[in-house]
Amino acid sequence: MKWLILLVSIIGCFSIRGLNKASVESIPGYTLMNISVPIDHYAPNSPTFQMRYYIRTDYYQQTKSGPIFFYCGNEGAIEMFVNNSGYIDFLASQVDAIVVFAEHRYFGQSMPFGSASFQTPNNVKYLSPHQALADYAYLLTYLKREYYGLPVIAWGGSYGGMLAAWFRMKFPHLVAGSIASSAPIFHFNGTVDPNEFNQIVTQHFSEVGGPGCPAVIRTAFQYLEAMRYNSSYYYNLEQWFNTCEEIITSDDVYSIMNWLYNAFSYLAMTDYTSPSNFLQVLPAYPVSLACGNITQVVDLTDYAHVFEYVAKGANVYYNSSGTQMCNELNLTISEGNLGDEGWDFLACTTLSMPSGMNGVTDMFWYEPWDQLAYDSSCLQTWGEATQVNYAALWYGNSLNQTYILRHASNILFSSGSLDPWQSGSVLMNSNPNLVAYVMEGGDHHSDLRMPALNDPPEVVSGRVIIKQTIQYWINGTIS
């Protein structure tokens, strides 16, 4: 049942899951610090825990006139976001900013109850976006004692982008403006088509690799569905997919399906124009490379042939180095830098973000979003019911987005045209105090990455918009 719960979490509510490698890195220019923050910001005399953050002040020391750039850590160890958000550091060097990357509670090494943080419902119940935002407000208030009067620009990508937007909405006295990249703040129950995420993944593969690429992938899933309950195929499936594990049950076949699904979904999110190591170590243009393998299939009726090349396509994600001898279906290992208990809890409680598929308008199989099944599995895992209306209650959702965004201010929402998470993002300006745009050729928070020579033109121009918008928020003018 644990495996089923994990699959529901991944497919039924596809995560923006982050990176939870807890090793402490020495990052040039940055100092690793800790601050004691309350475990419960909404209770008097709460015990505290140590929250980590990285800070860089050398740019600021040049003139002592720049702002504070504050990155709202998302669902993973903060080192990965420092290392994969190079544009923040790049721009900070131009505007003499202090840079702060704060780690999200219950991720990395910011564990309120240490190794026991996920062992009991009483320990994990303090994991929520509003408690994390209160952590960030607490840290900013502390920093402003030394750096009094400096304007603060919040930054974030993906879930971190959601937090950055909500940070400005909830704490406008602390935050002058927010850069919310690839932030699906409206991707919640009843406010988005659950199938849209996977439709965009499929459209991405079709645009990059031609319509034949998703057609082959869809065919592979049709064969796997047909073989799932026929044990005479199980041994051959081990050989065709070169699995490390034996295939002995229908659930094992389902594991192959999810192994493929995760690869193609994450490739669609990280189809960058330069090499990356955000989720896995990937070459530039990985979807093009994957489809280059997949479209070598010449006979769709030969399922062994189909499986061989679809697996090669998936291994652009899992094994781009070619060093792995077999394909590990274990979900945690297969996700590389992704996956931990913290996101599972968030996705089961406060951040239930529905996602389904139908195998017709997408390249996967028929598995529609089932809220009741999802709620049941989450309750069994965590002993806590899914709060489907949490985001609407605390921050607003797309059913009342006209009101929410009409009254919000100083938030920039950027999205990539290739990013599946645009399905729940703010794509158009709704009032003159907000900025929203879609970058053609951009992917999941492409604009936060370190600038590279082959960046898509609209990602380059998007960064210019970010710089000019920040200047306007701080100075009232654009230089």
Protein backbone atom coordinates (compact mmCIF):
# COMPACT_ATOMS: atom_id res chain seq x y z
CA MET A 1 0.00 0.00 0.00
CA LYS A 2 2.92 2.32 0.65
CA TRP A 3 3.88 2.05 -3.02
CA LEU A 4 0.34 2.87 -4.09
CA ILE A 5 0.37 5.92 -1.85
CA LEU A 6 3.61 7.10 -3.41
CA LEU A 7 2.18 6.66 -6.90
CA VAL A 8 -0.96 8.58 -6.01
CA SER A 9 1.26 11.34 -4.69
CA ILE A 10 3.34 11.45 -7.85
CA ILE A 11 0.74 10.94 -10.55
CA GLY A 12 -2.44 12.10 -8.90
CA CYS A 13 -0.80 15.22 -7.54
CA PHE A 14 2.36 15.72 -9.58
CA SER A 15 4.78 17.50 -7.36
CA ILE A 16 7.09 20.40 -7.81
CA ARG A 17 9.22 18.24 -5.63
CA GLY A 18 12.52 19.60 -4.62
CA LEU A 19 15.92 18.48 -3.64
CA ASN A 20 16.63 17.24 -0.19
CA LYS A 21 20.32 16.45 -0.18
CA ALA A 22 21.31 17.48 3.31
CA SER A 23 25.07 17.75 2.84
CA VAL A 24 26.47 21.15 3.77
CA GLU A 25 28.33 22.72 0.89
CA SER A 26 30.88 25.49 0.84
CA ILE A 27 29.46 27.92 -1.70
CA PRO A 28 31.89 30.61 -2.86
CA GLY A 29 30.90 34.06 -1.63
CA TYR A 30 28.23 32.78 0.76
CA THR A 31 28.26 32.23 4.51
CA LEU A 32 26.07 29.52 6.04
CA MET A 33 24.18 30.77 9.09
CA ASN A 34 21.50 29.52 11.50
CA ILE A 35 18.72 31.33 13.29
CA SER A 36 16.43 30.10 16.06
CA VAL A 37 12.81 30.41 14.97
CA PRO A 38 9.59 29.30 16.70
CA ILE A 39 8.28 25.89 15.77
CA ASP A 40 4.77 27.38 15.98
CA HIS A 41 4.58 31.08 15.16
CA TYR A 42 0.94 31.17 16.23
CA ALA A 43 1.39 29.93 19.80
CA PRO A 44 2.95 31.80 22.72
CA ASN A 45 6.19 30.50 24.21
CA SER A 46 6.76 28.04 21.40
CA PRO A 47 10.00 26.04 21.44
CA THR A 48 12.41 26.89 18.64
CA PHE A 49 14.49 25.12 16.01
CA GLN A 50 17.51 26.04 13.92
CA MET A 51 16.69 27.26 10.41
CA ARG A 52 19.57 27.48 7.97
CA TYR A 53 20.22 30.28 5.52
CA TYR A 54 23.01 31.40 3.23
CA ILE A 55 23.93 35.07 3.06
CA ARG A 56 26.23 37.04 0.76
CA THR A 57 27.18 40.63 1.57
CA ASP A 58 30.27 41.41 -0.52
CA TYR A 59 28.31 43.03 -3.35
CA TYR A 60 26.53 45.26 -0.84
CA GLN A 61 29.76 46.29 0.87
CA GLN A 62 30.91 48.06 -2.30
CA THR A 63 28.41 50.91 -1.94
CA LYS A 64 26.11 49.90 0.95
CA SER A 65 23.20 51.16 -1.09
CA GLY A 66 21.64 48.05 -2.60
CA PRO A 67 18.52 46.05 -1.67
CA ILE A 68 18.17 42.65 -0.02
CA PHE A 69 17.43 39.80 -2.43
CA PHE A 70 15.63 37.14 -0.38
CA TYR A 71 15.06 33.70 -1.90
CA CYS A 72 12.11 31.82 -0.40
CA GLY A 73 13.42 28.28 -0.10
CA ASN A 74 11.22 25.56 -1.50
CA GLU A 75 10.86 21.86 -0.93
CA GLY A 76 14.48 20.85 -0.61
CA ALA A 77 17.94 21.49 0.77
CA ILE A 78 18.77 25.13 0.19
CA GLU A 79 22.16 24.45 -1.43
CA MET A 80 20.49 23.23 -4.61
CA PHE A 81 18.59 26.48 -5.01
CA VAL A 82 21.67 28.60 -4.40
CA ASN A 83 23.50 26.62 -7.07
CA ASN A 84 20.66 26.70 -9.61
CA SER A 85 19.49 30.32 -9.31
CA GLY A 86 22.52 32.02 -10.78
CA TYR A 87 20.66 35.01 -12.16
CA ILE A 88 19.87 36.23 -8.64
CA ASP A 89 23.57 36.35 -7.84
CA PHE A 90 24.35 37.81 -11.27
CA LEU A 91 21.89 40.67 -10.81
CA ALA A 92 22.95 41.21 -7.20
CA SER A 93 26.47 41.95 -8.42
CA GLN A 94 25.06 44.69 -10.66
CA VAL A 95 22.88 46.39 -8.05
CA ASP A 96 25.06 45.84 -4.96
CA ALA A 97 22.47 43.65 -3.24
CA ILE A 98 22.71 41.47 -0.17
CA VAL A 99 21.62 37.95 -1.13
CA VAL A 100 19.85 35.59 1.28
CA PHE A 101 18.69 32.04 0.57
CA ALA A 102 16.47 30.73 3.39
CA GLU A 103 15.84 27.01 3.86
CA HIS A 104 12.25 25.80 4.14
CA ARG A 105 11.37 24.14 7.44
CA TYR A 106 11.38 20.31 7.33
CA PHE A 107 13.78 20.26 4.37
CA GLY A 108 17.53 20.00 4.13
CA GLN A 109 18.80 20.32 7.69
CA SER A 110 16.16 22.72 9.01
CA MET A 111 14.33 20.02 10.95
CA PRO A 112 12.20 21.21 13.90
CA PHE A 113 12.43 17.82 15.64
CA GLY A 114 15.65 16.52 14.14
CA SER A 115 15.50 12.95 12.89
CA ALA A 116 12.07 12.57 14.52
CA SER A 117 10.47 15.38 12.49
CA PHE A 118 8.30 13.00 10.46
CA GLN A 119 7.79 10.25 13.02
CA THR A 120 4.56 11.43 14.63
CA PRO A 121 1.59 13.57 13.56
CA ASN A 122 2.36 15.99 16.39
CA ASN A 123 5.87 16.52 15.05
CA VAL A 124 5.02 17.03 11.39
CA LYS A 125 1.90 19.15 11.84
CA TYR A 126 3.92 22.38 11.82
CA LEU A 127 4.88 21.89 8.18
CA SER A 128 2.81 24.34 6.14
CA PRO A 129 3.30 27.30 3.80
CA HIS A 130 2.04 29.80 6.36
CA GLN A 131 4.50 28.60 8.99
CA ALA A 132 7.32 28.74 6.42
CA LEU A 133 6.36 32.30 5.45
CA ALA A 134 6.38 33.24 9.11
CA ASP A 135 9.91 31.80 9.32
CA TYR A 136 10.98 34.05 6.46
CA ALA A 137 9.34 37.08 8.04
CA TYR A 138 11.10 36.29 11.32
CA LEU A 139 14.48 36.03 9.58
CA LEU A 140 13.93 39.23 7.59
CA THR A 141 12.96 41.13 10.72
CA TYR A 142 16.18 39.94 12.34
CA LEU A 143 18.30 40.93 9.32
CA LYS A 144 16.70 44.35 9.09
CA ARG A 145 18.02 45.19 12.56
CA GLU A 146 21.48 45.33 11.00
CA TYR A 147 20.47 46.36 7.50
CA TYR A 148 17.81 48.86 8.51
CA GLY A 149 15.82 50.53 5.78
CA LEU A 150 16.96 48.34 2.88
CA PRO A 151 14.16 47.37 0.48
CA VAL A 152 13.57 43.64 0.16
CA ILE A 153 12.87 41.80 -3.08
CA ALA A 154 11.58 38.27 -2.56
CA TRP A 155 12.48 35.65 -5.15
CA GLY A 156 11.35 32.12 -5.79
CA GLY A 157 10.86 29.51 -8.48
CA SER A 158 8.15 26.86 -8.66
CA TYR A 159 6.80 26.31 -5.11
CA GLY A 160 9.35 28.90 -4.01
CA GLY A 161 7.75 31.27 -6.52
CA MET A 162 4.37 30.62 -4.95
CA LEU A 163 5.87 31.45 -1.57
CA ALA A 164 7.47 34.62 -2.94
CA ALA A 165 4.11 35.81 -4.30
CA TRP A 166 2.30 34.97 -1.08
CA PHE A 167 5.11 36.60 0.94
CA ARG A 168 4.41 39.94 -0.72
CA MET A 169 0.64 39.47 -0.31
CA LYS A 170 0.89 38.61 3.39
CA PHE A 171 3.86 40.75 4.48
CA PRO A 172 3.85 43.90 2.30
CA HIS A 173 5.46 45.88 5.13
CA LEU A 174 8.54 43.65 4.84
CA VAL A 175 8.68 42.95 1.11
CA ALA A 176 8.84 45.71 -1.51
CA GLY A 177 8.19 43.30 -4.38
CA SER A 178 8.40 39.66 -5.43
CA ILE A 179 9.76 37.77 -8.44
CA ALA A 180 7.58 34.66 -8.78
CA SER A 181 8.97 32.46 -11.54
CA SER A 182 6.95 29.45 -12.73
CA ALA A 183 4.65 29.85 -9.74
CA PRO A 184 1.40 27.83 -10.15
CA ILE A 185 -0.52 29.66 -7.43
CA PHE A 186 -3.86 28.63 -8.96
CA HIS A 187 -3.15 24.93 -9.50
CA PHE A 188 -5.58 23.72 -6.87
CA ASN A 189 -8.74 21.68 -6.59
CA GLY A 190 -11.64 22.99 -8.65
CA THR A 191 -9.63 25.81 -10.21
CA VAL A 192 -7.67 24.05 -12.96
CA ASP A 193 -8.27 21.20 -15.41
CA PRO A 194 -6.44 18.26 -13.76
CA ASN A 195 -5.43 16.92 -17.19
CA GLU A 196 -3.83 20.14 -18.43
CA PHE A 197 -0.39 19.51 -16.94
CA ASN A 198 0.04 16.25 -18.86
CA GLN A 199 -1.45 17.76 -22.00
CA ILE A 200 1.25 20.44 -21.92
CA VAL A 201 3.94 17.79 -21.38
CA THR A 202 2.66 16.02 -24.49
CA GLN A 203 2.46 19.24 -26.50
CA HIS A 204 6.05 20.00 -25.49
CA PHE A 205 7.28 16.64 -26.80
CA SER A 206 5.29 17.11 -30.00
CA GLU A 207 6.64 20.60 -30.65
CA VAL A 208 10.25 19.61 -29.97
CA GLY A 209 10.35 16.07 -31.35
CA GLY A 210 7.50 16.06 -33.83
CA PRO A 211 4.11 14.34 -33.44
CA GLY A 212 5.73 10.94 -33.91
CA CYS A 213 7.51 11.19 -30.56
CA PRO A 214 4.43 11.28 -28.30
CA ALA A 215 2.73 8.77 -30.60
CA VAL A 216 5.43 6.18 -29.89
CA ILE A 217 5.32 6.93 -26.15
CA ARG A 218 1.53 6.54 -26.09
CA THR A 219 1.86 3.22 -27.91
CA ALA A 220 4.37 1.99 -25.32
CA PHE A 221 1.92 2.72 -22.52
CA GLN A 222 -0.87 0.96 -24.39
CA TYR A 223 1.29 -2.16 -24.62
CA LEU A 224 2.23 -1.94 -20.93
CA GLU A 225 -1.41 -1.61 -19.95
CA ALA A 226 -2.24 -4.71 -22.00
CA MET A 227 0.63 -6.70 -20.44
CA ARG A 228 0.17 -5.52 -16.89
CA TYR A 229 -2.04 -8.41 -15.78
CA ASN A 230 -0.47 -11.08 -18.00
CA SER A 231 2.39 -12.68 -16.09
CA SER A 232 3.72 -14.41 -19.21
CA TYR A 233 5.24 -11.06 -20.21
CA TYR A 234 6.90 -10.24 -16.89
CA TYR A 235 10.28 -11.86 -17.49
CA ASN A 236 10.53 -10.31 -20.94
CA LEU A 237 9.68 -6.89 -19.53
CA GLU A 238 12.69 -7.22 -17.23
CA GLN A 239 14.86 -7.76 -20.29
CA TRP A 240 13.25 -5.15 -22.51
CA PHE A 241 13.54 -2.43 -19.87
CA ASN A 242 16.77 -3.77 -18.31
CA THR A 243 15.33 -3.37 -14.82
CA CYS A 244 17.42 -3.87 -11.71
CA GLU A 245 14.41 -5.44 -10.00
CA GLU A 246 12.50 -8.56 -10.93
CA ILE A 247 9.09 -7.99 -12.50
CA ILE A 248 6.81 -10.44 -10.70
CA THR A 249 3.51 -8.59 -10.10
CA SER A 250 1.20 -6.17 -11.87
CA ASP A 251 2.41 -3.48 -9.49
CA ASP A 252 5.92 -4.01 -10.83
CA VAL A 253 4.67 -3.35 -14.35
CA TYR A 254 2.99 -0.23 -13.02
CA SER A 255 6.39 0.75 -11.63
CA ILE A 256 7.80 0.64 -15.16
CA MET A 257 4.96 2.88 -16.31
CA ASN A 258 5.72 5.37 -13.57
CA TRP A 259 9.44 5.17 -14.25
CA LEU A 260 8.70 6.29 -17.80
CA TYR A 261 6.13 8.86 -16.73
CA ASN A 262 8.47 10.54 -14.28
CA ALA A 263 11.26 10.73 -16.84
CA PHE A 264 9.15 12.38 -19.52
CA SER A 265 7.38 14.74 -17.12
CA TYR A 266 10.61 15.94 -15.53
CA LEU A 267 12.30 16.23 -18.93
CA ALA A 268 9.47 18.51 -20.01
CA MET A 269 10.12 20.70 -16.96
CA THR A 270 13.90 20.87 -17.41
CA ASP A 271 14.34 21.10 -21.17
CA TYR A 272 16.99 23.79 -20.83
CA THR A 273 19.19 25.04 -23.66
CA SER A 274 22.37 24.44 -21.67
CA PRO A 275 23.53 21.52 -19.49
CA SER A 276 21.98 21.39 -16.02
CA ASN A 277 22.10 19.46 -12.77
CA PHE A 278 18.92 20.72 -11.13
CA LEU A 279 16.96 17.47 -10.93
CA GLN A 280 19.43 15.17 -12.65
CA VAL A 281 22.65 15.77 -14.55
CA LEU A 282 21.25 16.56 -17.99
CA PRO A 283 22.64 17.64 -21.34
CA ALA A 284 21.32 20.66 -23.20
CA TYR A 285 18.03 20.15 -25.10
CA PRO A 286 17.24 16.81 -23.40
CA VAL A 287 13.73 16.44 -24.87
CA SER A 288 15.17 16.69 -28.37
CA LEU A 289 17.70 14.00 -27.49
CA ALA A 290 15.03 11.78 -25.93
CA CYS A 291 12.78 12.10 -28.97
CA GLY A 292 15.78 11.44 -31.20
CA ASN A 293 15.94 7.99 -29.63
CA ILE A 294 12.21 7.40 -29.48
CA THR A 295 11.49 8.28 -33.11
CA GLN A 296 13.93 5.64 -34.32
CA VAL A 297 11.03 3.20 -33.91
CA VAL A 298 10.02 2.09 -37.40
CA ASP A 299 7.43 -0.57 -36.55
CA LEU A 300 4.84 0.31 -33.91
CA THR A 301 3.52 -3.26 -33.96
CA ASP A 302 6.83 -4.58 -32.62
CA TYR A 303 6.43 -3.91 -28.91
CA ALA A 304 9.96 -5.04 -28.02
CA HIS A 305 11.30 -2.52 -30.52
CA VAL A 306 9.02 0.19 -29.09
CA PHE A 307 10.11 -0.54 -25.51
CA GLU A 308 13.80 -0.50 -26.43
CA TYR A 309 13.74 3.02 -27.84
CA VAL A 310 11.27 4.47 -25.36
CA ALA A 311 13.56 3.24 -22.56
CA LYS A 312 16.51 4.89 -24.32
CA GLY A 313 14.51 8.11 -24.37
CA ALA A 314 13.77 7.85 -20.65
CA ASN A 315 17.43 7.24 -19.91
CA VAL A 316 18.32 10.67 -21.24
CA TYR A 317 16.86 11.70 -17.89
CA TYR A 318 17.98 8.85 -15.65
CA ASN A 319 21.32 7.85 -17.15
CA SER A 320 22.70 10.54 -19.43
CA SER A 321 26.23 9.53 -18.44
CA GLY A 322 25.63 5.93 -19.50
CA THR A 323 27.24 4.62 -16.31
CA GLN A 324 24.24 2.81 -14.80
CA MET A 325 24.20 -0.88 -15.65
CA CYS A 326 20.46 -1.36 -15.12
CA ASN A 327 17.34 0.75 -14.65
CA GLU A 328 16.36 1.28 -11.02
CA LEU A 329 12.59 1.52 -10.67
CA ASN A 330 12.70 2.52 -7.01
CA LEU A 331 10.93 5.87 -6.98
CA THR A 332 13.31 7.70 -4.66
CA ILE A 333 16.41 6.59 -6.53
CA SER A 334 14.84 7.13 -9.94
CA GLU A 335 13.96 10.70 -9.09
CA GLY A 336 17.60 11.46 -8.45
CA ASN A 337 17.68 14.69 -6.47
CA LEU A 338 13.93 14.64 -5.88
CA GLY A 339 11.63 13.25 -3.31
CA ASP A 340 11.22 13.32 0.43
CA GLU A 341 8.63 13.03 3.14
CA GLY A 342 8.25 16.79 3.45
CA TRP A 343 6.71 17.29 0.04
CA ASP A 344 4.51 14.22 0.41
CA PHE A 345 3.07 15.76 3.57
CA LEU A 346 2.55 19.18 1.97
CA ALA A 347 0.93 17.64 -1.11
CA CYS A 348 -1.35 15.57 1.11
CA THR A 349 -2.41 18.41 3.38
CA THR A 350 -2.11 22.06 2.34
CA LEU A 351 -0.87 21.83 -1.26
CA SER A 352 -3.05 19.25 -2.97
CA MET A 353 -2.45 20.03 -6.65
CA PRO A 354 -4.57 17.71 -8.81
CA SER A 355 -3.19 16.07 -11.92
CA GLY A 356 -4.68 13.35 -14.08
CA MET A 357 -4.33 11.84 -17.54
CA ASN A 358 -6.57 10.24 -20.14
CA GLY A 359 -4.25 8.70 -22.76
CA VAL A 360 -6.04 10.56 -25.55
CA THR A 361 -5.16 14.23 -25.27
CA ASP A 362 -1.91 13.24 -23.56
CA MET A 363 0.68 10.54 -24.30
CA PHE A 364 0.21 8.52 -21.11
CA TRP A 365 -2.68 6.27 -20.03
CA TYR A 366 -6.14 6.57 -18.54
CA GLU A 367 -5.87 7.57 -14.91
CA PRO A 368 -8.17 10.49 -14.09
CA TRP A 369 -7.80 12.56 -10.96
CA ASP A 370 -9.66 10.88 -8.08
CA GLN A 371 -9.91 13.22 -5.11
CA LEU A 372 -11.54 10.65 -2.83
CA ALA A 373 -8.86 8.04 -3.45
CA TYR A 374 -6.18 10.65 -2.96
CA ASP A 375 -7.71 11.83 0.32
CA SER A 376 -7.97 8.25 1.55
CA SER A 377 -4.33 7.43 0.80
CA CYS A 378 -3.13 10.65 2.42
CA LEU A 379 -5.20 9.99 5.52
CA GLN A 380 -3.74 6.50 5.77
CA THR A 381 -0.19 7.81 5.37
CA TRP A 382 -0.26 10.89 7.56
CA GLY A 383 -3.38 10.59 9.67
CA GLU A 384 -4.48 14.00 8.46
CA ALA A 385 -7.19 14.96 5.98
CA THR A 386 -6.41 16.83 2.78
CA GLN A 387 -7.19 20.54 3.17
CA VAL A 388 -8.49 21.08 -0.35
CA ASN A 389 -9.49 24.68 0.38
CA TYR A 390 -6.30 25.68 2.19
CA ALA A 391 -4.79 27.78 -0.60
CA ALA A 392 -8.09 29.48 -1.36
CA LEU A 393 -8.59 30.35 2.30
CA TRP A 394 -5.10 31.68 2.95
CA TYR A 395 -4.12 33.17 -0.38
CA GLY A 396 -7.03 33.00 -2.84
CA ASN A 397 -7.45 30.82 -5.91
CA SER A 398 -8.49 31.17 -9.55
CA LEU A 399 -12.19 31.27 -8.65
CA ASN A 400 -11.56 34.61 -6.96
CA GLN A 401 -8.37 35.54 -8.77
CA THR A 402 -9.87 38.73 -10.17
CA TYR A 403 -10.31 40.03 -6.64
CA ILE A 404 -7.01 38.67 -5.33
CA LEU A 405 -4.88 39.95 -8.17
CA ARG A 406 -6.72 43.24 -8.42
CA HIS A 407 -5.67 44.06 -4.89
CA ALA A 408 -2.17 42.54 -4.98
CA SER A 409 0.77 44.68 -6.02
CA ASN A 410 4.45 44.54 -6.88
CA ILE A 411 4.57 40.90 -7.97
CA LEU A 412 6.16 39.74 -11.22
CA PHE A 413 4.89 36.40 -12.54
CA SER A 414 7.03 34.81 -15.26
CA SER A 415 6.32 31.50 -17.01
CA GLY A 416 7.94 29.47 -19.77
CA SER A 417 5.96 28.39 -22.81
CA LEU A 418 7.43 24.87 -22.47
CA ASP A 419 6.75 24.52 -18.75
CA PRO A 420 3.82 22.24 -17.80
CA TRP A 421 3.27 24.28 -14.63
CA GLN A 422 2.02 27.22 -16.64
CA SER A 423 -1.35 25.46 -16.32
CA GLY A 424 -1.78 26.98 -12.86
CA SER A 425 0.27 30.14 -13.24
CA VAL A 426 -0.61 33.80 -13.76
CA LEU A 427 -0.08 34.37 -17.47
CA MET A 428 -1.47 37.85 -18.07
CA ASN A 429 -1.43 41.21 -16.34
CA SER A 430 -4.57 41.83 -14.34
CA ASN A 431 -3.74 45.24 -12.92
CA PRO A 432 -1.04 47.87 -13.51
CA ASN A 433 0.69 46.98 -10.25
CA LEU A 434 1.43 43.42 -11.39
CA VAL A 435 3.64 42.10 -14.19
CA ALA A 436 2.95 38.78 -15.91
CA TYR A 437 4.30 37.28 -19.10
CA VAL A 438 5.16 34.00 -20.83
CA MET A 439 8.65 33.50 -22.26
CA GLU A 440 8.60 31.68 -25.60
CA GLY A 441 11.05 28.79 -25.41
CA GLY A 442 11.40 29.11 -21.65
CA ASP A 443 10.97 26.20 -19.26
CA HIS A 444 10.58 25.74 -15.51
CA HIS A 445 12.03 28.92 -13.94
CA SER A 446 14.52 29.25 -16.81
CA ASP A 447 14.94 32.94 -16.06
CA LEU A 448 16.39 32.26 -12.60
CA ARG A 449 19.24 30.20 -14.04
CA MET A 450 22.66 31.69 -14.70
CA PRO A 451 22.61 33.49 -18.08
CA ALA A 452 24.12 31.47 -20.93
CA LEU A 453 24.93 32.32 -24.54
CA ASN A 454 22.26 30.06 -26.02
CA ASP A 455 19.38 31.17 -23.78
CA PRO A 456 16.12 31.69 -25.70
CA PRO A 457 15.69 35.37 -26.67
CA GLU A 458 12.54 35.78 -24.58
CA VAL A 459 14.29 34.37 -21.51
CA VAL A 460 16.99 36.99 -22.03
CA SER A 461 14.42 39.76 -22.43
CA GLY A 462 12.51 38.40 -19.43
CA ARG A 463 15.55 38.96 -17.26
CA VAL A 464 15.72 42.54 -18.50
CA ILE A 465 12.09 42.98 -17.45
CA ILE A 466 12.94 41.59 -14.01
CA LYS A 467 15.80 44.06 -13.57
CA GLN A 468 13.75 47.03 -14.76
CA THR A 469 10.78 46.05 -12.61
CA ILE A 470 12.93 45.79 -9.49
CA GLN A 471 14.45 49.20 -10.24
CA TYR A 472 10.98 50.67 -10.57
CA TRP A 473 9.76 49.13 -7.32
CA ILE A 474 12.77 50.45 -5.44
CA ASN A 475 13.46 53.79 -7.09
CA GLY A 476 10.29 54.64 -8.99
CA THR A 477 12.34 54.89 -12.20
CA ILE A 478 14.01 52.59 -14.74
CA SER A 479 17.63 53.26 -15.65
